[in-house]
Amino acid sequence: MTEQPRKPFDTDGSPGEFAETESALQQTAGAGRADDALEPERIRPHGARFLKTYLQARREREWQFPKGLFSDPAWDILLELYVAESEGRPVLESAVGPAVSIPEKSGLRWLGILEARKLVARTLEDEGSQEARISLTPNAIAGMNHWLERMTQSVSGDPERG
């Protein structure tokens, strides 16, 4: 019997496997010994290129099928943020909805859900700022990297790894 891969988040949205990594990062961050600290997950450039192509393919479905038939705003937001972060492109909260082809208010609602699940973080650029910059949390980056790894293994046809 093969062991099921651990999921980064449980079905209720609570952190799963990657909560251990985040906890370890928090514990070692203040230790003052860089050699013992775990590196936080980083955006992977090859993964971002794959996701950029994947996002484009998802958008092109609407050329063949009725607009609005396919909808997965939370996933599209995570994909868009991963790609944007890989390009060093800041994403303001008001731009999230339009970036994933949903109304701005819907984008803000989905951001609230993703923030409650600790997948995105809002950061005000300065005290006078009226709008927050949105970024993926370390747990979200770890989850996306894990998914990308499994996807690329599946696509490559490697039965040992995918």
Protein backbone atom coordinates (compact mmCIF):
# COMPACT_ATOMS: atom_id res chain seq x y z
CA MET A 1 0.00 0.00 0.00
CA THR A 2 1.45 3.36 -1.00
CA GLU A 3 1.31 6.25 1.38
CA GLN A 4 -0.91 9.11 0.31
CA PRO A 5 1.00 12.37 -0.20
CA ARG A 6 0.42 14.87 2.56
CA LYS A 7 -1.64 17.84 1.60
CA PRO A 8 -0.43 21.36 2.33
CA PHE A 9 -3.85 22.26 3.72
CA ASP A 10 -6.56 20.12 5.24
CA THR A 11 -10.03 20.04 3.70
CA ASP A 12 -11.25 22.60 6.22
CA GLY A 13 -8.58 25.04 5.04
CA SER A 14 -6.43 24.75 8.14
CA PRO A 15 -2.70 24.44 7.53
CA GLY A 16 -1.58 20.87 7.04
CA GLU A 17 1.90 19.73 6.17
CA PHE A 18 3.32 23.22 5.67
CA ALA A 19 2.26 24.41 9.10
CA GLU A 20 5.19 22.39 10.45
CA THR A 21 7.58 24.27 8.15
CA GLU A 22 6.13 27.63 9.14
CA SER A 23 6.39 26.75 12.82
CA ALA A 24 10.02 25.71 12.37
CA LEU A 25 10.75 28.95 10.51
CA GLN A 26 9.26 31.01 13.32
CA GLN A 27 11.24 29.11 15.97
CA THR A 28 14.56 29.45 14.17
CA ALA A 29 14.12 33.01 12.98
CA GLY A 30 15.08 34.51 16.31
CA ALA A 31 17.79 31.98 17.12
CA GLY A 32 20.53 34.14 15.57
CA ARG A 33 22.17 31.17 13.88
CA ALA A 34 21.63 31.44 10.14
CA ASP A 35 23.09 27.98 9.50
CA ASP A 36 20.33 26.37 11.55
CA ALA A 37 17.44 28.41 10.10
CA LEU A 38 15.21 26.92 7.43
CA GLU A 39 14.95 28.87 4.21
CA PRO A 40 11.41 30.06 3.50
CA GLU A 41 9.83 28.79 0.31
CA ARG A 42 10.56 30.98 -2.67
CA ILE A 43 8.77 31.54 -5.95
CA ARG A 44 10.31 29.23 -8.53
CA PRO A 45 10.93 30.88 -11.93
CA HIS A 46 10.26 27.70 -13.95
CA GLY A 47 7.06 27.21 -11.97
CA ALA A 48 5.99 30.76 -12.67
CA ARG A 49 6.56 30.26 -16.42
CA PHE A 50 4.43 27.12 -16.30
CA LEU A 51 1.69 28.96 -14.39
CA LYS A 52 1.73 31.89 -16.80
CA THR A 53 1.06 29.46 -19.67
CA TYR A 54 -1.55 27.64 -17.58
CA LEU A 55 -3.36 30.92 -16.78
CA GLN A 56 -3.37 31.88 -20.45
CA ALA A 57 -4.85 28.50 -21.37
CA ARG A 58 -7.56 28.91 -18.72
CA ARG A 59 -8.46 32.33 -20.15
CA GLU A 60 -8.53 31.05 -23.71
CA ARG A 61 -11.27 28.55 -22.83
CA GLU A 62 -13.71 31.45 -23.06
CA TRP A 63 -13.06 31.67 -26.79
CA GLN A 64 -14.63 28.25 -27.23
CA PHE A 65 -17.12 28.13 -24.39
CA PRO A 66 -19.57 30.65 -22.88
CA LYS A 67 -17.99 33.27 -20.66
CA GLY A 68 -18.55 32.52 -16.98
CA LEU A 69 -18.97 28.78 -17.51
CA PHE A 70 -15.68 28.04 -15.77
CA SER A 71 -15.07 29.82 -12.49
CA ASP A 72 -12.48 29.20 -9.82
CA PRO A 73 -11.63 32.67 -8.50
CA ALA A 74 -9.65 31.58 -5.43
CA TRP A 75 -7.37 29.38 -7.52
CA ASP A 76 -7.00 32.03 -10.23
CA ILE A 77 -6.02 34.61 -7.60
CA LEU A 78 -3.34 32.32 -6.18
CA LEU A 79 -2.02 31.62 -9.68
CA GLU A 80 -1.98 35.31 -10.59
CA LEU A 81 -0.21 36.29 -7.37
CA TYR A 82 2.45 33.60 -7.85
CA VAL A 83 3.18 34.84 -11.38
CA ALA A 84 3.10 38.51 -10.31
CA GLU A 85 5.52 37.87 -7.45
CA SER A 86 7.87 35.99 -9.81
CA GLU A 87 7.92 39.07 -12.05
CA GLY A 88 8.39 41.47 -9.15
CA ARG A 89 5.07 43.06 -10.03
CA PRO A 90 3.11 44.41 -7.03
CA VAL A 91 -0.60 43.61 -6.95
CA LEU A 92 -2.96 46.06 -5.28
CA GLU A 93 -6.16 44.70 -3.80
CA SER A 94 -8.38 46.62 -6.24
CA ALA A 95 -6.56 45.02 -9.19
CA VAL A 96 -7.06 41.41 -8.09
CA GLY A 97 -10.61 40.99 -9.40
CA PRO A 98 -9.97 42.45 -12.85
CA ALA A 99 -6.70 40.47 -13.12
CA VAL A 100 -8.66 37.22 -12.86
CA SER A 101 -11.69 38.37 -14.85
CA ILE A 102 -14.12 38.86 -11.97
CA PRO A 103 -15.69 42.08 -10.64
CA GLU A 104 -13.57 44.10 -8.20
CA LYS A 105 -16.01 43.50 -5.32
CA SER A 106 -15.89 39.75 -5.90
CA GLY A 107 -12.10 39.92 -5.93
CA LEU A 108 -12.13 41.71 -2.57
CA ARG A 109 -14.50 39.11 -1.14
CA TRP A 110 -12.27 36.27 -2.32
CA LEU A 111 -9.24 38.04 -0.88
CA GLY A 112 -11.00 38.09 2.48
CA ILE A 113 -11.56 34.34 2.26
CA LEU A 114 -7.97 33.66 1.21
CA GLU A 115 -6.68 35.94 3.96
CA ALA A 116 -8.80 34.12 6.57
CA ARG A 117 -7.26 30.85 5.35
CA LYS A 118 -3.79 32.44 5.69
CA LEU A 119 -3.00 32.12 1.99
CA VAL A 120 -2.62 35.83 1.23
CA ALA A 121 -1.45 38.82 3.22
CA ARG A 122 -2.39 42.47 2.87
CA THR A 123 0.33 45.06 3.47
CA LEU A 124 -0.14 48.82 3.45
CA GLU A 125 2.70 50.45 1.55
CA ASP A 126 2.76 53.42 3.92
CA GLU A 127 0.61 54.89 6.66
CA GLY A 128 -1.24 57.22 4.29
CA SER A 129 -2.03 54.47 1.85
CA GLN A 130 -5.68 53.66 1.24
CA GLU A 131 -5.02 50.39 -0.52
CA ALA A 132 -3.05 47.30 0.42
CA ARG A 133 -0.57 45.32 -1.58
CA ILE A 134 -1.48 41.62 -1.78
CA SER A 135 1.09 38.85 -1.54
CA LEU A 136 1.16 35.13 -1.01
CA THR A 137 2.00 33.87 2.47
CA PRO A 138 4.89 31.43 2.95
CA ASN A 139 2.33 28.64 3.38
CA ALA A 140 0.68 29.54 0.07
CA ILE A 141 4.03 29.63 -1.73
CA ALA A 142 4.93 26.24 -0.25
CA GLY A 143 1.56 24.83 -1.32
CA MET A 144 1.88 26.22 -4.82
CA ASN A 145 5.43 24.87 -5.14
CA HIS A 146 4.23 21.46 -3.95
CA TRP A 147 1.39 21.48 -6.49
CA LEU A 148 3.76 22.60 -9.26
CA GLU A 149 6.18 19.81 -8.41
CA ARG A 150 3.40 17.20 -8.56
CA MET A 151 2.05 18.67 -11.81
CA THR A 152 5.41 18.70 -13.55
CA GLN A 153 6.07 15.14 -12.38
CA SER A 154 2.68 14.05 -13.72
CA VAL A 155 3.22 15.83 -17.03
CA SER A 156 6.70 14.34 -17.42
CA GLY A 157 5.18 10.87 -17.03
CA ASP A 158 7.55 9.81 -14.27
CA PRO A 159 5.53 7.11 -12.42
CA GLU A 160 7.98 7.08 -9.52
CA ARG A 161 7.53 10.78 -8.83
CA GLY A 162 4.10 11.70 -10.16
